[in-house]
């Protein structure tokens, strides 16, 4: 589906949150992203904000979201689309 829509399919290890911005790791370096379509249970999204034992989340993601630097389609607290 992601390929059909022309979107990247990423997991937590592919992303980095730095200075309240979210980036995807590419072979050319970090590339800033403006939006994510969440398919992950919210408690695993950010180990700094929710479950500190989460190994699949992105530390700092919720801060980037709260400051408006990244849009989370299907935001935390909203059921899966």
C-alpha atoms as a PDB file:
ATOM      1  CA  UNK A   1       0.000   0.000   0.000  1.00  0.00           C
ATOM      2  CA  UNK A   2       2.789   2.425   0.891  1.00  0.00           C
ATOM      3  CA  UNK A   3       4.531   1.837  -2.427  1.00  0.00           C
ATOM      4  CA  UNK A   4       1.259   2.256  -4.316  1.00  0.00           C
ATOM      5  CA  UNK A   5       0.664   5.593  -2.561  1.00  0.00           C
ATOM      6  CA  UNK A   6       4.274   6.709  -3.051  1.00  0.00           C
ATOM      7  CA  UNK A   7       4.980   6.780   0.688  1.00  0.00           C
ATOM      8  CA  UNK A   8       7.899   5.503   2.729  1.00  0.00           C
ATOM      9  CA  UNK A   9       7.223   2.531   4.994  1.00  0.00           C
ATOM     10  CA  UNK A  10       9.384   3.002   8.087  1.00  0.00           C
ATOM     11  CA  UNK A  11       9.767   1.639  11.581  1.00  0.00           C
ATOM     12  CA  UNK A  12      11.059   3.294  14.724  1.00  0.00           C
ATOM     13  CA  UNK A  13      14.703   2.452  14.011  1.00  0.00           C
ATOM     14  CA  UNK A  14      14.426   4.341  10.705  1.00  0.00           C
ATOM     15  CA  UNK A  15      13.455   7.579  12.470  1.00  0.00           C
ATOM     16  CA  UNK A  16      15.238  10.077  14.697  1.00  0.00           C
ATOM     17  CA  UNK A  17      13.805  12.994  16.661  1.00  0.00           C
ATOM     18  CA  UNK A  18      16.284  15.821  17.109  1.00  0.00           C
ATOM     19  CA  UNK A  19      15.563  19.322  18.430  1.00  0.00           C
ATOM     20  CA  UNK A  20      11.783  18.757  18.207  1.00  0.00           C
ATOM     21  CA  UNK A  21      11.946  17.686  14.556  1.00  0.00           C
ATOM     22  CA  UNK A  22      11.601  14.192  13.059  1.00  0.00           C
ATOM     23  CA  UNK A  23      13.962  12.748  10.463  1.00  0.00           C
ATOM     24  CA  UNK A  24      14.153   9.539   8.472  1.00  0.00           C
ATOM     25  CA  UNK A  25      17.571   7.912   8.155  1.00  0.00           C
ATOM     26  CA  UNK A  26      18.596   7.455   4.518  1.00  0.00           C
ATOM     27  CA  UNK A  27      21.838   6.370   2.887  1.00  0.00           C
ATOM     28  CA  UNK A  28      22.339  10.051   2.032  1.00  0.00           C
ATOM     29  CA  UNK A  29      21.878  11.155   5.643  1.00  0.00           C
ATOM     30  CA  UNK A  30      18.951  12.435   7.666  1.00  0.00           C
ATOM     31  CA  UNK A  31      15.939  13.790   5.779  1.00  0.00           C
ATOM     32  CA  UNK A  32      13.350  15.825   7.660  1.00  0.00           C
ATOM     33  CA  UNK A  33       9.772  14.602   7.520  1.00  0.00           C
ATOM     34  CA  UNK A  34       6.644  16.605   8.200  1.00  0.00           C
ATOM     35  CA  UNK A  35       4.051  13.856   8.695  1.00  0.00           C
ATOM     36  CA  UNK A  36       3.708  10.264   9.882  1.00  0.00           C
ATOM     37  CA  UNK A  37       0.794   7.892   9.543  1.00  0.00           C
ATOM     38  CA  UNK A  38       0.763   6.060  12.871  1.00  0.00           C
ATOM     39  CA  UNK A  39      -0.066   2.357  12.926  1.00  0.00           C
ATOM     40  CA  UNK A  40       1.622   1.625  16.253  1.00  0.00           C
ATOM     41  CA  UNK A  41      -0.080   1.394  19.637  1.00  0.00           C
ATOM     42  CA  UNK A  42       0.406   4.843  21.241  1.00  0.00           C
ATOM     43  CA  UNK A  43       2.103   3.486  24.353  1.00  0.00           C
ATOM     44  CA  UNK A  44       5.047   2.360  22.201  1.00  0.00           C
ATOM     45  CA  UNK A  45       5.437   5.609  20.193  1.00  0.00           C
ATOM     46  CA  UNK A  46       7.925   7.421  22.405  1.00  0.00           C
ATOM     47  CA  UNK A  47       9.776   5.837  25.329  1.00  0.00           C
ATOM     48  CA  UNK A  48      10.371   9.301  26.806  1.00  0.00           C
ATOM     49  CA  UNK A  49       6.646  10.091  26.945  1.00  0.00           C
ATOM     50  CA  UNK A  50       4.959   6.724  27.468  1.00  0.00           C
ATOM     51  CA  UNK A  51       6.361   3.220  28.047  1.00  0.00           C
ATOM     52  CA  UNK A  52      10.003   3.677  29.036  1.00  0.00           C
ATOM     53  CA  UNK A  53      10.700   0.057  28.078  1.00  0.00           C
ATOM     54  CA  UNK A  54       9.607   0.528  24.461  1.00  0.00           C
ATOM     55  CA  UNK A  55      12.337  -0.513  22.030  1.00  0.00           C
ATOM     56  CA  UNK A  56      10.281   0.271  18.915  1.00  0.00           C
ATOM     57  CA  UNK A  57       9.376   3.903  19.534  1.00  0.00           C
ATOM     58  CA  UNK A  58      11.181   7.119  18.679  1.00  0.00           C
ATOM     59  CA  UNK A  59      12.525   9.057  21.674  1.00  0.00           C
ATOM     60  CA  UNK A  60      11.382  12.673  21.347  1.00  0.00           C
ATOM     61  CA  UNK A  61       8.596  12.019  18.820  1.00  0.00           C
ATOM     62  CA  UNK A  62       5.852  13.334  21.108  1.00  0.00           C
ATOM     63  CA  UNK A  63       7.783  16.561  21.789  1.00  0.00           C
ATOM     64  CA  UNK A  64       8.082  17.133  18.021  1.00  0.00           C
ATOM     65  CA  UNK A  65       4.357  16.440  17.668  1.00  0.00           C
ATOM     66  CA  UNK A  66       3.422  18.717  20.594  1.00  0.00           C
ATOM     67  CA  UNK A  67       5.397  21.634  19.139  1.00  0.00           C
ATOM     68  CA  UNK A  68       3.675  21.180  15.779  1.00  0.00           C
ATOM     69  CA  UNK A  69       6.791  20.169  13.868  1.00  0.00           C
ATOM     70  CA  UNK A  70       5.378  16.822  12.733  1.00  0.00           C
ATOM     71  CA  UNK A  71       1.816  15.824  11.934  1.00  0.00           C
ATOM     72  CA  UNK A  72       0.702  12.446  13.247  1.00  0.00           C
ATOM     73  CA  UNK A  73      -2.116  11.156  11.107  1.00  0.00           C
ATOM     74  CA  UNK A  74      -4.088   8.921  13.436  1.00  0.00           C
ATOM     75  CA  UNK A  75      -2.750  10.836  16.439  1.00  0.00           C
ATOM     76  CA  UNK A  76      -2.362   9.241  19.889  1.00  0.00           C
ATOM     77  CA  UNK A  77      -5.766   8.701  21.459  1.00  0.00           C
ATOM     78  CA  UNK A  78      -7.470   8.274  18.091  1.00  0.00           C
ATOM     79  CA  UNK A  79      -8.512   4.798  16.936  1.00  0.00           C
ATOM     80  CA  UNK A  80      -6.754   3.195  13.990  1.00  0.00           C
ATOM     81  CA  UNK A  81      -8.151   4.362  10.658  1.00  0.00           C
END
